[in-house]
């Protein structure tokens, strides 16, 4: 009886395993596991945001202008020391962890989703959790949302690695984690969802990450509210939401928001030129510490610039500062935002954009009232300006509208908010010919301008695909010898070189046939007589540029030269090789395989 019982038990166990396997493959199990993972990610992102907020607030409160004397017994005139101390620590972190430090903004999250299937090493997440706390907590006039998004995406990637999820799911939860963290930091779940759509997904509304994004954002926000409390960041006094007749003034404000956003980009470019080109500063300490010292000195007269600036926003909304002082704060905030970002500090631009928008909107209404005896309410223009500058600087109009609405908890000014945010965004897009994040990606050869499509060939260099088995002839080669070389050539055409071994052009079988038809005395021809000009690419060009030229000139091959000036041929790139490479990269990017280790394969 015992063997029979054992046989029955084994059969039952096998049947149970088979049932579990079949259940694991059913659609309902996939949906349930997806919901569970989204909830878990929301809890992780919410806890991470709470920890980030608590540590940041603790650091900021410790160094707060009015708390220095009570905490440390230090004279208030020594406030400039603290940004310098923070800069020294941050510069040291950048110096000793350069590879990790380069992954400093939201653009790196987008690239990890596009090219690494959402894989983010935990050490990157940890580094960019601590560095902004030190930077912003010691006074840098930046915001917490960029670091929070990196932290959330890193937690999503970590969860996918821990549970051995496939690459598609890793991408999905990396995106969802970024939105969930934004939701938790700002207590704005809807804005967190739209942040994931507009920024990380590059407006791809059909992406499978949508459901995970919504669930995890809601859970993260609920967790954050449960721990930190359900209160709004800004204290808004009573105001008049404005009349229809005020919309021309809102239009002017929208254009000003766009102009100020463009000015910020110009200040960043100017700061980069000053530090990198004019002063030739590459040392992390020499770039950041002087900026922090200058900022510390400015804090002696304008301590309202310290840190994130929410308290300053509340002061301006409640009209505690004169117009000239507000204008000075606006100017200094823009300048030091640009300087700190280009000098190598860590932080985001959402919160500073809100402050700049309040300063701009409040100043605009006060000026109109003073100059033209209007009765514009500075509070409503300040609130609307928040959305305008946020949309302009970050190219996220929908997220801006929803974020301002959620952080204020006020619906009464939603119409001018929508109007100003969209107009400011369009002004920036018109002038810059693209949004903030798409332009940053374009600088690195990644074309995402077409609704989230990416240029897979943008990161590949010509030198990686070029071949060296090309055929060349001298420009003096007789026609009869040329035809023989051409008939036996590898690719059906040959490159023609001058006496200095530089490229003159190309000869193909088509050109030889035309020469035979149009010339009676072909024996008198030489290679130079039938050479056609041909576009070239250099070894450092992206393969996408080579593909553009091949399609534009209807070529099968394109010569590779050392440089545009030094036209020495170093190889050849074929249309066929480019297509094969593209298909391989596309296949690697979309492959849905279970990971065999904690790190996914890279294309």
Protein backbone atom coordinates (compact mmCIF):
# COMPACT_ATOMS: atom_id res chain seq x y z
CA UNK A 1 0.00 0.00 0.00
CA UNK A 2 2.84 2.38 0.76
CA UNK A 3 4.25 2.47 -2.80
CA UNK A 4 0.76 3.06 -4.13
CA UNK A 5 0.22 5.96 -1.73
CA UNK A 6 3.56 7.45 -2.70
CA UNK A 7 2.62 7.12 -6.35
CA UNK A 8 -0.70 8.86 -5.70
CA UNK A 9 0.99 11.66 -3.73
CA UNK A 10 3.53 12.23 -6.49
CA UNK A 11 0.76 12.27 -9.06
CA UNK A 12 -1.16 14.80 -6.99
CA UNK A 13 1.93 16.99 -6.60
CA UNK A 14 2.58 16.83 -10.36
CA UNK A 15 -1.04 17.73 -11.04
CA UNK A 16 -0.82 20.70 -8.64
CA UNK A 17 2.38 21.92 -10.27
CA UNK A 18 0.79 21.60 -13.68
CA UNK A 19 -2.25 23.51 -12.46
CA UNK A 20 -0.06 26.27 -11.05
CA UNK A 21 1.89 26.45 -14.33
CA UNK A 22 -1.29 26.68 -16.40
CA UNK A 23 -2.67 29.29 -14.01
CA UNK A 24 0.54 31.32 -14.25
CA UNK A 25 0.07 31.46 -18.01
CA UNK A 26 -3.54 32.64 -17.92
CA UNK A 27 -4.51 36.22 -18.65
CA UNK A 28 -6.16 36.71 -15.27
CA UNK A 29 -2.95 35.80 -13.45
CA UNK A 30 -1.00 38.30 -15.54
CA UNK A 31 -3.45 41.07 -14.68
CA UNK A 32 -3.40 40.20 -10.99
CA UNK A 33 0.40 40.06 -10.84
CA UNK A 34 0.57 43.35 -12.75
CA UNK A 35 -1.70 45.04 -10.21
CA UNK A 36 0.26 43.55 -7.29
CA UNK A 37 3.60 44.73 -8.70
CA UNK A 38 2.16 48.20 -9.38
CA UNK A 39 0.91 48.45 -5.80
CA UNK A 40 4.25 47.26 -4.42
CA UNK A 41 6.05 49.80 -6.58
CA UNK A 42 3.70 52.54 -5.34
CA UNK A 43 4.55 51.63 -1.75
CA UNK A 44 8.28 51.58 -2.54
CA UNK A 45 8.10 54.93 -4.37
CA UNK A 46 5.97 56.46 -1.61
CA UNK A 47 8.37 55.29 1.10
CA UNK A 48 11.33 56.53 -0.93
CA UNK A 49 9.68 59.91 -1.44
CA UNK A 50 8.89 60.20 2.28
CA UNK A 51 12.50 59.37 3.16
CA UNK A 52 13.79 61.81 0.55
CA UNK A 53 11.43 64.56 1.76
CA UNK A 54 12.23 63.99 5.43
CA UNK A 55 16.00 64.01 4.92
CA UNK A 56 15.83 67.03 2.63
CA UNK A 57 13.63 68.97 5.02
CA UNK A 58 15.80 68.01 7.96
CA UNK A 59 18.94 69.21 6.17
CA UNK A 60 17.24 72.39 4.94
CA UNK A 61 15.74 73.25 8.33
CA UNK A 62 19.08 72.72 10.01
CA UNK A 63 20.73 75.26 7.69
CA UNK A 64 17.71 77.55 7.46
CA UNK A 65 18.59 81.22 7.71
CA UNK A 66 16.62 81.88 10.88
CA UNK A 67 17.65 78.66 12.61
CA UNK A 68 21.40 79.11 12.33
CA UNK A 69 21.79 81.12 15.51
CA UNK A 70 19.47 78.95 17.64
CA UNK A 71 21.03 75.68 16.43
CA UNK A 72 24.70 76.55 16.20
CA UNK A 73 25.13 79.91 17.86
CA UNK A 74 26.69 81.23 14.64
CA UNK A 75 26.36 84.80 13.40
CA UNK A 76 23.92 85.14 10.51
CA UNK A 77 26.60 86.81 8.39
CA UNK A 78 28.33 83.44 8.09
CA UNK A 79 25.44 81.96 6.10
CA UNK A 80 27.61 81.90 2.96
CA UNK A 81 29.67 79.07 4.50
CA UNK A 82 26.93 76.48 4.18
CA UNK A 83 26.46 76.51 0.39
CA UNK A 84 30.25 76.23 0.12
CA UNK A 85 30.36 73.24 2.48
CA UNK A 86 27.61 71.55 0.47
CA UNK A 87 29.44 72.34 -2.79
CA UNK A 88 32.66 70.79 -1.46
CA UNK A 89 30.87 67.54 -0.56
CA UNK A 90 28.96 67.38 -3.85
CA UNK A 91 32.09 68.16 -5.90
CA UNK A 92 33.96 65.39 -4.08
CA UNK A 93 31.15 62.93 -4.86
CA UNK A 94 31.25 63.94 -8.51
CA UNK A 95 35.05 63.68 -8.60
CA UNK A 96 35.26 60.19 -7.15
CA UNK A 97 32.18 58.74 -8.88
CA UNK A 98 32.28 60.39 -12.32
CA UNK A 99 30.42 57.67 -14.27
CA UNK A 100 27.53 57.62 -11.80
CA UNK A 101 27.50 61.41 -11.50
CA UNK A 102 26.93 61.82 -15.24
CA UNK A 103 23.49 60.20 -14.87
CA UNK A 104 22.25 63.36 -13.19
CA UNK A 105 18.91 64.36 -14.70
CA UNK A 106 15.61 63.04 -16.01
CA UNK A 107 17.12 62.64 -19.48
CA UNK A 108 19.18 59.74 -18.14
CA UNK A 109 15.95 57.99 -17.09
CA UNK A 110 14.54 58.41 -20.61
CA UNK A 111 17.73 56.93 -22.08
CA UNK A 112 17.65 54.00 -19.69
CA UNK A 113 14.10 53.23 -20.86
CA UNK A 114 14.99 53.63 -24.54
CA UNK A 115 18.32 51.85 -24.65
CA UNK A 116 18.73 49.73 -21.53
CA UNK A 117 15.22 48.35 -21.15
CA UNK A 118 14.79 50.40 -17.97
CA UNK A 119 17.88 48.96 -16.25
CA UNK A 120 19.25 51.34 -13.61
CA UNK A 121 21.95 50.08 -11.21
CA UNK A 122 21.08 50.54 -7.55
CA UNK A 123 24.32 52.45 -6.92
CA UNK A 124 23.10 55.12 -9.37
CA UNK A 125 19.79 55.37 -7.51
CA UNK A 126 21.54 55.66 -4.14
CA UNK A 127 24.01 58.28 -5.37
CA UNK A 128 21.30 60.48 -6.85
CA UNK A 129 19.24 60.08 -3.70
CA UNK A 130 21.99 61.49 -1.46
CA UNK A 131 23.67 64.10 -3.68
CA UNK A 132 20.57 66.33 -4.16
CA UNK A 133 19.80 66.20 -0.43
CA UNK A 134 23.25 67.63 0.28
CA UNK A 135 23.08 70.11 -2.59
CA UNK A 136 19.56 71.48 -2.05
CA UNK A 137 19.71 71.11 1.73
CA UNK A 138 22.82 73.30 1.87
CA UNK A 139 21.10 76.04 -0.12
CA UNK A 140 21.36 75.37 -3.88
CA UNK A 141 18.29 77.04 -5.48
CA UNK A 142 17.09 73.87 -7.22
CA UNK A 143 14.16 71.50 -6.79
CA UNK A 144 13.55 67.92 -5.61
CA UNK A 145 11.48 66.57 -8.51
CA UNK A 146 14.30 65.51 -10.86
CA UNK A 147 16.10 63.53 -8.15
CA UNK A 148 12.77 62.13 -6.95
CA UNK A 149 11.94 60.90 -10.46
CA UNK A 150 15.36 59.25 -10.68
CA UNK A 151 14.84 57.64 -7.30
CA UNK A 152 11.37 56.35 -8.26
CA UNK A 153 12.55 54.98 -11.60
CA UNK A 154 15.51 53.37 -9.88
CA UNK A 155 13.21 51.67 -7.38
CA UNK A 156 11.02 50.43 -10.22
CA UNK A 157 14.06 49.01 -11.97
CA UNK A 158 15.33 47.48 -8.71
CA UNK A 159 11.98 45.79 -8.10
CA UNK A 160 12.01 44.32 -11.60
CA UNK A 161 15.54 43.01 -11.07
CA UNK A 162 14.68 41.55 -7.66
CA UNK A 163 11.65 39.67 -8.98
CA UNK A 164 13.44 38.61 -12.18
CA UNK A 165 10.87 40.31 -14.42
CA UNK A 166 11.36 40.44 -18.16
CA UNK A 167 12.68 43.43 -20.07
CA UNK A 168 9.29 44.74 -21.15
CA UNK A 169 8.12 44.76 -17.54
CA UNK A 170 11.34 46.38 -16.36
CA UNK A 171 10.79 49.25 -18.79
CA UNK A 172 7.19 49.54 -17.66
CA UNK A 173 7.93 49.72 -13.93
CA UNK A 174 10.89 52.05 -14.42
CA UNK A 175 8.54 54.52 -16.08
CA UNK A 176 5.84 53.99 -13.45
CA UNK A 177 8.30 54.53 -10.60
CA UNK A 178 9.27 57.97 -11.91
CA UNK A 179 5.66 59.14 -12.05
CA UNK A 180 4.84 57.62 -8.66
CA UNK A 181 7.71 59.49 -7.01
CA UNK A 182 6.57 62.80 -8.51
CA UNK A 183 3.06 62.08 -7.25
CA UNK A 184 4.35 61.42 -3.73
CA UNK A 185 6.74 64.40 -3.56
CA UNK A 186 4.14 66.97 -4.68
CA UNK A 187 1.01 65.17 -3.37
CA UNK A 188 -0.14 65.32 -6.99
CA UNK A 189 -1.10 61.89 -8.37
CA UNK A 190 -2.63 63.17 -11.62
CA UNK A 191 0.43 65.32 -12.34
CA UNK A 192 2.62 62.29 -11.58
CA UNK A 193 0.80 60.27 -14.22
CA UNK A 194 1.09 63.02 -16.82
CA UNK A 195 4.75 63.55 -15.94
CA UNK A 196 5.38 59.92 -16.84
CA UNK A 197 3.45 60.35 -20.10
CA UNK A 198 4.88 63.71 -21.22
CA UNK A 199 8.47 63.27 -20.06
CA UNK A 200 9.49 59.64 -19.64
CA UNK A 201 7.18 58.15 -22.30
CA UNK A 202 7.66 61.15 -24.61
CA UNK A 203 3.89 61.54 -25.10
CA UNK A 204 3.37 57.91 -26.07
CA UNK A 205 -0.21 57.45 -24.81
CA UNK A 206 -0.41 53.87 -26.13
CA UNK A 207 2.44 52.58 -24.00
CA UNK A 208 1.76 49.55 -21.80
CA UNK A 209 3.15 51.41 -18.78
CA UNK A 210 -0.01 53.52 -18.48
CA UNK A 211 -1.85 51.21 -16.09
CA UNK A 212 1.20 50.70 -13.87
CA UNK A 213 1.79 54.45 -13.93
CA UNK A 214 -1.72 55.22 -12.69
CA UNK A 215 -1.85 52.53 -9.98
CA UNK A 216 1.61 53.20 -8.56
CA UNK A 217 1.07 56.99 -8.59
CA UNK A 218 -2.17 56.65 -6.62
CA UNK A 219 -0.63 54.26 -4.09
CA UNK A 220 2.50 56.38 -3.67
CA UNK A 221 0.44 59.52 -3.11
CA UNK A 222 -1.83 57.80 -0.57
CA UNK A 223 1.23 56.50 1.30
CA UNK A 224 2.87 59.94 1.29
CA UNK A 225 -0.29 61.67 2.53
CA UNK A 226 -0.72 59.07 5.27
CA UNK A 227 2.79 59.69 6.58
CA UNK A 228 3.42 63.38 5.88
CA UNK A 229 -0.12 64.67 6.15
CA UNK A 230 -2.72 65.88 3.69
CA UNK A 231 -1.87 69.55 3.37
CA UNK A 232 -1.06 71.90 0.51
CA UNK A 233 2.38 73.42 0.10
CA UNK A 234 1.22 76.97 -0.60
CA UNK A 235 -0.92 79.28 1.55
CA UNK A 236 -3.13 81.17 -0.88
CA UNK A 237 -4.89 84.32 0.35
CA UNK A 238 -8.25 85.45 -0.94
CA UNK A 239 -8.08 86.67 -4.54
CA UNK A 240 -10.24 87.60 -7.50
CA UNK A 241 -10.02 84.93 -10.24
CA UNK A 242 -10.22 87.61 -12.91
CA UNK A 243 -12.72 88.67 -15.55
CA UNK A 244 -12.97 88.08 -19.28
CA UNK A 245 -11.45 91.49 -19.82
CA UNK A 246 -8.29 90.35 -18.04
CA UNK A 247 -7.43 87.78 -20.73
CA UNK A 248 -5.42 90.22 -22.86
CA UNK A 249 -3.21 90.71 -19.82
CA UNK A 250 -2.99 86.94 -19.38
CA UNK A 251 -1.88 86.70 -23.01
CA UNK A 252 0.91 89.19 -22.35
CA UNK A 253 1.88 87.25 -19.23
CA UNK A 254 1.97 84.01 -21.24
CA UNK A 255 4.36 85.55 -23.76
CA UNK A 256 6.49 86.85 -20.89
CA UNK A 257 6.57 83.37 -19.33
CA UNK A 258 7.81 81.98 -22.64
CA UNK A 259 10.38 84.77 -22.93
CA UNK A 260 11.65 84.19 -19.39
CA UNK A 261 11.92 80.45 -20.12
CA UNK A 262 13.99 81.21 -23.22
CA UNK A 263 16.12 83.60 -21.16
CA UNK A 264 16.78 80.76 -18.73
CA UNK A 265 18.03 78.56 -21.58
CA UNK A 266 20.26 81.40 -22.77
CA UNK A 267 21.62 81.81 -19.24
CA UNK A 268 22.43 78.08 -19.12
CA UNK A 269 24.26 78.29 -22.43
CA UNK A 270 26.08 81.40 -21.24
CA UNK A 271 27.02 79.73 -17.95
CA UNK A 272 28.31 76.69 -19.80
CA UNK A 273 30.36 78.89 -22.14
CA UNK A 274 31.77 80.88 -19.21
CA UNK A 275 32.78 77.87 -17.14
CA UNK A 276 33.89 75.50 -19.90
CA UNK A 277 35.17 77.72 -22.72
CA UNK A 278 36.03 81.11 -21.29
CA UNK A 279 37.50 79.95 -17.97
CA UNK A 280 38.34 76.40 -19.16
CA UNK A 281 37.30 74.89 -15.83
CA UNK A 282 37.07 71.11 -15.83
CA UNK A 283 37.87 70.46 -12.17
CA UNK A 284 34.69 69.77 -10.23
CA UNK A 285 35.76 71.87 -7.24
CA UNK A 286 36.82 74.88 -9.32
CA UNK A 287 33.49 74.86 -11.16
CA UNK A 288 31.07 74.49 -8.26
CA UNK A 289 32.69 75.97 -5.15
CA UNK A 290 33.14 79.55 -6.51
CA UNK A 291 29.52 79.56 -7.66
CA UNK A 292 28.40 78.41 -4.21
CA UNK A 293 30.58 81.06 -2.53
CA UNK A 294 29.14 83.82 -4.71
CA UNK A 295 25.64 82.53 -3.98
CA UNK A 296 26.39 82.49 -0.27
CA UNK A 297 27.41 86.14 -0.37
CA UNK A 298 24.22 87.04 -2.24
CA UNK A 299 22.23 85.21 0.46
CA UNK A 300 23.34 87.86 2.97
CA UNK A 301 20.93 90.26 1.29
CA UNK A 302 18.49 87.82 -0.30
CA UNK A 303 18.13 84.83 2.00
CA UNK A 304 14.81 84.08 0.28
CA UNK A 305 16.80 82.42 -2.52
CA UNK A 306 17.90 79.67 -0.16
CA UNK A 307 16.90 76.13 -1.18
CA UNK A 308 13.63 75.09 -2.81
CA UNK A 309 11.88 78.40 -2.11
CA UNK A 310 8.38 77.35 -1.02
CA UNK A 311 8.46 79.72 1.95
CA UNK A 312 9.43 82.57 -0.38
CA UNK A 313 6.51 81.72 -2.67
CA UNK A 314 4.15 81.99 0.30
CA UNK A 315 5.68 85.33 1.29
CA UNK A 316 5.21 86.75 -2.21
CA UNK A 317 1.66 85.40 -2.52
CA UNK A 318 0.80 87.15 0.72
CA UNK A 319 2.51 90.35 -0.56
CA UNK A 320 5.21 90.65 2.06
CA UNK A 321 7.80 92.15 -0.34
CA UNK A 322 7.95 95.34 -2.44
CA UNK A 323 8.04 95.20 -6.25
CA UNK A 324 11.73 96.09 -6.63
CA UNK A 325 12.73 93.33 -4.22
CA UNK A 326 10.59 90.77 -6.07
CA UNK A 327 12.17 91.75 -9.40
CA UNK A 328 15.63 91.36 -7.88
CA UNK A 329 14.71 87.91 -6.57
CA UNK A 330 13.43 86.94 -10.03
CA UNK A 331 16.67 87.96 -11.71
CA UNK A 332 18.94 86.32 -9.15
CA UNK A 333 16.89 83.11 -9.10
CA UNK A 334 17.24 82.67 -12.87
CA UNK A 335 20.98 83.41 -12.84
CA UNK A 336 21.85 81.06 -10.00
CA UNK A 337 19.59 78.27 -11.27
CA UNK A 338 21.59 78.30 -14.50
CA UNK A 339 24.96 78.61 -12.76
CA UNK A 340 24.36 75.79 -10.29
CA UNK A 341 23.08 73.40 -12.95
CA UNK A 342 26.01 74.06 -15.29
CA UNK A 343 28.55 74.04 -12.46
CA UNK A 344 27.59 70.48 -11.52
CA UNK A 345 25.05 70.71 -8.71
CA UNK A 346 22.19 68.24 -8.32
CA UNK A 347 18.53 69.14 -8.42
CA UNK A 348 15.56 69.76 -10.67
CA UNK A 349 13.85 72.73 -12.26
CA UNK A 350 10.18 72.12 -11.36
CA UNK A 351 10.13 73.79 -7.95
CA UNK A 352 12.39 76.69 -9.05
CA UNK A 353 10.10 77.19 -12.07
CA UNK A 354 7.14 77.53 -9.72
CA UNK A 355 8.98 80.19 -7.74
CA UNK A 356 10.07 82.07 -10.88
CA UNK A 357 6.50 81.95 -12.16
CA UNK A 358 5.13 83.43 -8.94
CA UNK A 359 7.75 86.18 -8.96
CA UNK A 360 7.07 86.97 -12.62
CA UNK A 361 3.27 86.92 -12.39
CA UNK A 362 3.20 89.00 -9.20
CA UNK A 363 5.62 91.58 -10.64
CA UNK A 364 3.68 91.81 -13.90
CA UNK A 365 0.37 92.55 -12.15
CA UNK A 366 2.00 95.11 -9.83
CA UNK A 367 3.65 96.87 -12.79
CA UNK A 368 0.41 96.99 -14.79
CA UNK A 369 -1.42 98.43 -11.80
CA UNK A 370 1.29 101.02 -11.20
CA UNK A 371 1.73 102.06 -14.85
CA UNK A 372 -1.80 101.85 -16.25
CA UNK A 373 -3.98 102.15 -13.11
CA UNK A 374 -5.46 98.68 -13.68
CA UNK A 375 -6.88 96.57 -10.89
CA UNK A 376 -5.23 93.22 -11.63
CA UNK A 377 -5.00 90.84 -8.67
CA UNK A 378 -1.28 89.99 -8.15
CA UNK A 379 -2.20 86.68 -6.48
CA UNK A 380 -4.05 85.19 -9.44
CA UNK A 381 -1.38 86.36 -11.87
CA UNK A 382 1.28 84.84 -9.61
CA UNK A 383 -0.57 81.51 -9.54
CA UNK A 384 -1.07 81.51 -13.29
CA UNK A 385 2.58 82.46 -13.81
CA UNK A 386 3.59 79.29 -11.97
CA UNK A 387 2.06 77.16 -14.70
CA UNK A 388 3.39 79.34 -17.50
CA UNK A 389 7.04 79.20 -16.49
CA UNK A 390 6.82 75.53 -15.50
CA UNK A 391 5.39 74.68 -18.92
CA UNK A 392 7.93 76.86 -20.71
CA UNK A 393 11.11 75.69 -19.02
CA UNK A 394 10.21 72.01 -18.92
CA UNK A 395 8.01 71.73 -22.06
CA UNK A 396 5.26 69.94 -20.14
CA UNK A 397 2.03 71.94 -20.55
CA UNK A 398 -0.41 69.28 -19.31
CA UNK A 399 1.72 68.31 -16.32
CA UNK A 400 2.14 72.00 -15.47
CA UNK A 401 -1.59 72.68 -15.46
CA UNK A 402 -2.35 69.67 -13.31
CA UNK A 403 0.60 70.15 -10.95
CA UNK A 404 -0.29 73.77 -10.16
CA UNK A 405 -3.92 72.79 -9.71
CA UNK A 406 -3.04 69.93 -7.35
CA UNK A 407 -0.43 71.74 -5.22
CA UNK A 408 -2.78 74.69 -4.72
CA UNK A 409 -6.00 72.69 -4.41
CA UNK A 410 -7.81 75.57 -6.11
CA UNK A 411 -9.89 75.27 -9.28
CA UNK A 412 -11.05 78.88 -9.65
CA UNK A 413 -8.12 80.08 -11.80
CA UNK A 414 -7.95 76.97 -14.01
CA UNK A 415 -9.01 78.73 -17.25
CA UNK A 416 -6.27 81.40 -17.26
CA UNK A 417 -3.85 78.74 -16.00
CA UNK A 418 -4.57 76.53 -19.01
CA UNK A 419 -4.40 79.48 -21.39
CA UNK A 420 -1.09 80.84 -20.10
CA UNK A 421 0.57 77.41 -19.80
CA UNK A 422 -0.19 76.42 -23.38
CA UNK A 423 0.79 79.78 -24.88
CA UNK A 424 4.09 79.88 -22.95
CA UNK A 425 4.84 76.33 -24.09
CA UNK A 426 4.14 77.22 -27.73
CA UNK A 427 6.39 80.28 -27.51
CA UNK A 428 9.30 78.15 -26.30
CA UNK A 429 8.65 75.40 -28.86
CA UNK A 430 8.52 77.98 -31.67
CA UNK A 431 11.80 79.64 -30.67
CA UNK A 432 13.77 76.54 -29.63
CA UNK A 433 12.31 74.23 -32.31
CA UNK A 434 11.68 71.53 -29.74
CA UNK A 435 11.07 70.69 -26.10
CA UNK A 436 13.65 70.62 -23.33
CA UNK A 437 14.10 66.86 -23.10
CA UNK A 438 13.85 66.13 -26.82
CA UNK A 439 16.52 68.74 -27.55
CA UNK A 440 18.80 67.27 -24.88
CA UNK A 441 18.38 63.84 -26.47
CA UNK A 442 18.93 65.27 -29.95
CA UNK A 443 22.31 66.62 -28.83
CA UNK A 444 23.33 63.02 -28.19
CA UNK A 445 22.05 61.83 -31.56
CA UNK A 446 18.77 60.40 -30.25
CA UNK A 447 15.83 61.52 -32.38
CA UNK A 448 12.58 61.23 -30.44
CA UNK A 449 10.72 64.02 -32.19
CA UNK A 450 8.09 61.73 -33.75
CA UNK A 451 5.79 60.79 -30.87
CA UNK A 452 8.23 58.72 -28.94
CA UNK A 453 9.97 57.00 -31.86
CA UNK A 454 13.69 56.90 -31.30
CA UNK A 455 16.65 56.95 -33.62
CA UNK A 456 18.22 53.59 -32.84
CA UNK A 457 21.10 54.38 -35.18
CA UNK A 458 21.79 57.72 -33.51
CA UNK A 459 24.08 56.20 -30.89
CA UNK A 460 25.98 53.97 -33.33
CA UNK A 461 29.07 55.52 -34.89
CA UNK A 462 30.18 55.08 -38.49
CA UNK A 463 33.52 53.67 -37.37
CA UNK A 464 31.70 50.75 -35.74
CA UNK A 465 30.09 49.60 -39.01
CA UNK A 466 32.54 50.65 -41.72
CA UNK A 467 34.31 48.01 -43.80
CA UNK A 468 37.83 48.26 -45.15
CA UNK A 469 37.55 45.94 -48.18
CA UNK A 470 36.71 48.74 -50.62
CA UNK A 471 38.13 49.24 -54.15
CA UNK A 472 40.04 52.35 -55.22
CA UNK A 473 41.62 53.54 -58.44
CA UNK A 474 43.79 56.48 -59.40
CA UNK A 475 42.10 59.29 -61.26
CA UNK A 476 44.60 58.57 -64.10
CA UNK A 477 43.49 54.94 -64.53
CA UNK A 478 42.70 54.12 -68.21
CA UNK A 479 39.08 53.35 -69.00
CA UNK A 480 39.71 49.77 -70.19
CA UNK A 481 41.54 48.89 -66.95
CA UNK A 482 38.90 50.72 -64.95
CA UNK A 483 36.08 48.60 -66.39
CA UNK A 484 37.96 45.43 -65.54
CA UNK A 485 38.47 46.57 -61.92
CA UNK A 486 34.86 47.64 -61.68
CA UNK A 487 33.55 44.30 -62.96
CA UNK A 488 35.42 42.50 -60.17
CA UNK A 489 34.78 45.09 -57.42
CA UNK A 490 33.26 44.05 -54.12
CA UNK A 491 30.33 46.46 -54.09
CA UNK A 492 29.87 47.35 -57.77
CA UNK A 493 31.62 50.70 -57.56
CA UNK A 494 35.09 52.08 -56.92
CA UNK A 495 36.40 55.20 -55.21
CA UNK A 496 38.62 57.53 -57.24
CA UNK A 497 41.66 59.07 -55.52
CA UNK A 498 43.89 61.96 -56.56
CA UNK A 499 47.68 61.99 -56.40
CA UNK A 500 47.49 62.80 -52.65
CA UNK A 501 45.37 59.66 -52.06
CA UNK A 502 42.35 61.85 -51.28
CA UNK A 503 38.84 61.06 -52.43
CA UNK A 504 37.66 62.71 -55.64
CA UNK A 505 34.46 60.78 -56.18
CA UNK A 506 32.99 57.43 -57.17
CA UNK A 507 32.52 55.42 -60.34
CA UNK A 508 29.72 52.88 -60.66
CA UNK A 509 28.71 50.42 -63.37
CA UNK A 510 25.88 52.77 -64.31
CA UNK A 511 28.34 55.57 -65.07
CA UNK A 512 30.52 53.23 -67.15
CA UNK A 513 27.53 52.18 -69.25
CA UNK A 514 26.63 55.84 -69.82
CA UNK A 515 30.23 56.59 -70.87
CA UNK A 516 30.21 53.72 -73.37
CA UNK A 517 26.93 54.91 -74.90
CA UNK A 518 27.88 58.61 -75.08
CA UNK A 519 31.55 58.32 -76.09
CA UNK A 520 32.82 56.75 -79.30
CA UNK A 521 36.48 56.89 -78.30
CA UNK A 522 36.21 55.27 -74.88
CA UNK A 523 39.81 54.04 -75.05
CA UNK A 524 40.94 57.64 -74.67
CA UNK A 525 39.02 58.12 -71.41
CA UNK A 526 40.54 57.90 -67.94
CA UNK A 527 38.89 57.48 -64.56
CA UNK A 528 38.82 61.22 -63.96
CA UNK A 529 36.53 61.71 -66.96
CA UNK A 530 33.70 59.55 -65.58
CA UNK A 531 34.05 60.28 -61.86
CA UNK A 532 30.95 61.49 -60.08
CA UNK A 533 30.91 63.47 -56.84
CA UNK A 534 29.71 61.54 -53.83
CA UNK A 535 28.70 62.56 -50.29
CA UNK A 536 30.91 61.33 -47.49
CA UNK A 537 30.67 60.65 -43.78
CA UNK A 538 33.38 60.76 -41.16
CA UNK A 539 34.27 58.07 -38.68
CA UNK A 540 32.71 60.05 -35.82
CA UNK A 541 29.39 60.70 -37.55
CA UNK A 542 26.30 58.82 -36.32
CA UNK A 543 25.12 56.03 -38.60
CA UNK A 544 21.77 57.82 -38.85
CA UNK A 545 23.50 60.63 -40.77
CA UNK A 546 24.99 58.10 -43.19
CA UNK A 547 21.54 56.61 -43.72
CA UNK A 548 20.09 60.04 -44.49
CA UNK A 549 22.73 60.69 -47.14
CA UNK A 550 22.36 57.24 -48.67
CA UNK A 551 18.62 57.72 -49.04
CA UNK A 552 18.93 61.31 -50.26
CA UNK A 553 21.43 60.46 -53.02
CA UNK A 554 20.05 56.97 -53.79
CA UNK A 555 23.31 55.18 -52.98
CA UNK A 556 24.20 51.63 -52.07
CA UNK A 557 27.52 52.56 -50.45
CA UNK A 558 29.00 55.72 -48.97
CA UNK A 559 32.72 56.37 -48.41
CA UNK A 560 34.06 56.99 -44.93
CA UNK A 561 36.81 59.62 -44.62
CA UNK A 562 38.92 60.84 -41.72
CA UNK A 563 37.38 64.31 -41.75
CA UNK A 564 35.61 66.73 -44.06
CA UNK A 565 38.90 68.52 -44.69
CA UNK A 566 41.15 65.45 -44.81
CA UNK A 567 39.33 63.29 -47.35
CA UNK A 568 41.49 60.21 -46.88
CA UNK A 569 39.29 57.14 -47.32
CA UNK A 570 39.27 54.82 -44.30
CA UNK A 571 36.37 52.55 -45.18
CA UNK A 572 32.99 52.08 -46.77
CA UNK A 573 29.50 51.87 -45.29
CA UNK A 574 26.79 49.93 -47.13
CA UNK A 575 23.04 50.36 -47.11
CA UNK A 576 22.63 46.66 -46.44
CA UNK A 577 24.86 46.73 -43.35
CA UNK A 578 22.95 49.69 -41.94
CA UNK A 579 19.59 47.96 -42.41
CA UNK A 580 20.88 44.77 -40.80
CA UNK A 581 22.24 46.75 -37.84
CA UNK A 582 18.97 48.62 -37.44
CA UNK A 583 16.96 45.41 -37.44
CA UNK A 584 19.30 43.87 -34.88
CA UNK A 585 19.05 46.92 -32.59
CA UNK A 586 15.29 47.03 -32.99
CA UNK A 587 15.00 43.34 -32.23
CA UNK A 588 17.20 43.70 -29.15
CA UNK A 589 15.18 46.67 -27.92
CA UNK A 590 11.79 44.98 -28.30
CA UNK A 591 12.80 41.46 -27.28
CA UNK A 592 10.65 40.13 -24.45
CA UNK A 593 12.91 37.59 -22.73
CA UNK A 594 13.24 36.57 -19.11
CA UNK A 595 16.51 37.70 -17.61
CA UNK A 596 19.19 35.17 -16.82
CA UNK A 597 20.88 37.55 -14.45
CA UNK A 598 20.04 40.79 -12.68
CA UNK A 599 21.24 42.87 -15.60
CA UNK A 600 19.50 42.79 -18.97
CA UNK A 601 21.31 42.34 -22.22
CA UNK A 602 22.15 45.56 -23.99
CA UNK A 603 21.60 45.98 -27.69
